[in-house]
Amino acid sequence: MALYDYYCEANDRTVEVRHGMSDSVKTWGELCELAGIETGNAPADAPLRKLMGAPVPMTGGSPGSDSGPACGTSCGCPYDA
């Protein structure tokens, strides 16, 4: 799973959520449900804009090194603890 930022113009809010790469979040209501937050004053069907973020640095070493996996845990790779 990866972290994504979404911007809602209807309420001028940006929310960060974690979801799979194949998942699609299109509306403020879907985003709020995924993030576990209230919709507030914005309509649930308000469209979102997915923001481009800076790459998140990996922790640990590279796969196959003695310092452990580069991706941490719960990523689904063969090095997942």
Protein backbone atom coordinates (compact mmCIF):
# COMPACT_ATOMS: atom_id res chain seq x y z
CA MET A 1 0.00 0.00 0.00
CA ALA A 2 1.10 3.54 -0.69
CA LEU A 3 0.27 6.99 0.66
CA TYR A 4 -1.72 9.37 -1.53
CA ASP A 5 -2.80 12.98 -1.09
CA TYR A 6 -6.17 14.12 -2.41
CA TYR A 7 -7.44 17.68 -2.65
CA CYS A 8 -11.13 18.62 -2.46
CA GLU A 9 -11.88 22.03 -3.98
CA ALA A 10 -15.38 22.09 -2.40
CA ASN A 11 -13.87 22.51 1.08
CA ASP A 12 -10.24 23.42 0.25
CA ARG A 13 -8.89 20.41 2.17
CA THR A 14 -6.08 17.99 1.42
CA VAL A 15 -6.23 14.54 3.01
CA GLU A 16 -3.58 11.83 3.00
CA VAL A 17 -4.72 8.20 2.85
CA ARG A 18 -3.12 4.82 2.34
CA HIS A 19 -4.55 2.47 -0.25
CA GLY A 20 -3.53 -0.01 -2.91
CA MET A 21 -2.25 1.18 -6.27
CA SER A 22 -5.22 -0.37 -8.07
CA ASP A 23 -7.77 1.34 -5.79
CA SER A 24 -9.54 4.43 -7.07
CA VAL A 25 -10.86 7.28 -4.89
CA LYS A 26 -13.06 9.68 -6.87
CA THR A 27 -15.26 11.59 -4.39
CA TRP A 28 -14.98 13.40 -1.07
CA GLY A 29 -17.35 10.85 0.50
CA GLU A 30 -15.17 7.92 -0.60
CA LEU A 31 -12.08 9.68 0.72
CA CYS A 32 -13.69 10.46 4.08
CA GLU A 33 -14.80 6.84 4.48
CA LEU A 34 -11.30 5.60 3.69
CA ALA A 35 -9.65 8.15 6.00
CA GLY A 36 -12.20 7.66 8.80
CA ILE A 37 -13.21 11.33 8.91
CA GLU A 38 -16.53 13.19 8.70
CA THR A 39 -17.59 14.77 5.41
CA GLY A 40 -18.40 18.07 7.12
CA ASN A 41 -19.96 20.76 4.92
CA ALA A 42 -18.67 19.45 1.58
CA PRO A 43 -21.04 17.28 -0.47
CA ALA A 44 -20.10 13.60 -0.46
CA ASP A 45 -20.13 13.56 -4.28
CA ALA A 46 -17.61 16.44 -4.58
CA PRO A 47 -14.80 15.43 -6.96
CA LEU A 48 -11.20 15.08 -5.85
CA ARG A 49 -7.86 15.84 -7.39
CA LYS A 50 -5.05 13.38 -6.71
CA LEU A 51 -1.90 15.32 -5.89
CA MET A 52 1.58 14.40 -6.94
CA GLY A 53 3.80 14.03 -3.90
CA ALA A 54 7.49 13.75 -3.34
CA PRO A 55 8.83 10.20 -3.12
CA VAL A 56 8.93 8.84 0.40
CA PRO A 57 12.40 7.67 1.39
CA MET A 58 12.67 3.99 2.15
CA THR A 59 13.99 2.76 5.46
CA GLY A 60 16.57 0.05 5.97
CA GLY A 61 18.89 -1.30 3.30
CA SER A 62 18.26 -2.65 -0.13
CA PRO A 63 16.74 -6.09 -0.77
CA GLY A 64 19.39 -8.74 -0.48
CA SER A 65 21.63 -6.68 1.77
CA ASP A 66 22.48 -7.52 5.35
CA SER A 67 20.79 -4.37 6.63
CA GLY A 68 17.26 -5.56 5.95
CA PRO A 69 14.53 -4.71 3.47
CA ALA A 70 14.33 -1.28 1.87
CA CYS A 71 10.55 -1.14 2.07
CA GLY A 72 9.83 -1.79 5.71
CA THR A 73 7.05 -4.20 6.54
CA SER A 74 3.59 -5.05 5.21
CA CYS A 75 4.39 -4.12 1.62
CA GLY A 76 3.88 -7.62 0.24
CA CYS A 77 7.40 -8.06 -1.14
CA PRO A 78 9.41 -11.23 -0.47
CA TYR A 79 11.26 -9.41 2.32
CA ASP A 80 8.05 -8.64 4.23
CA ALA A 81 8.46 -9.69 7.86
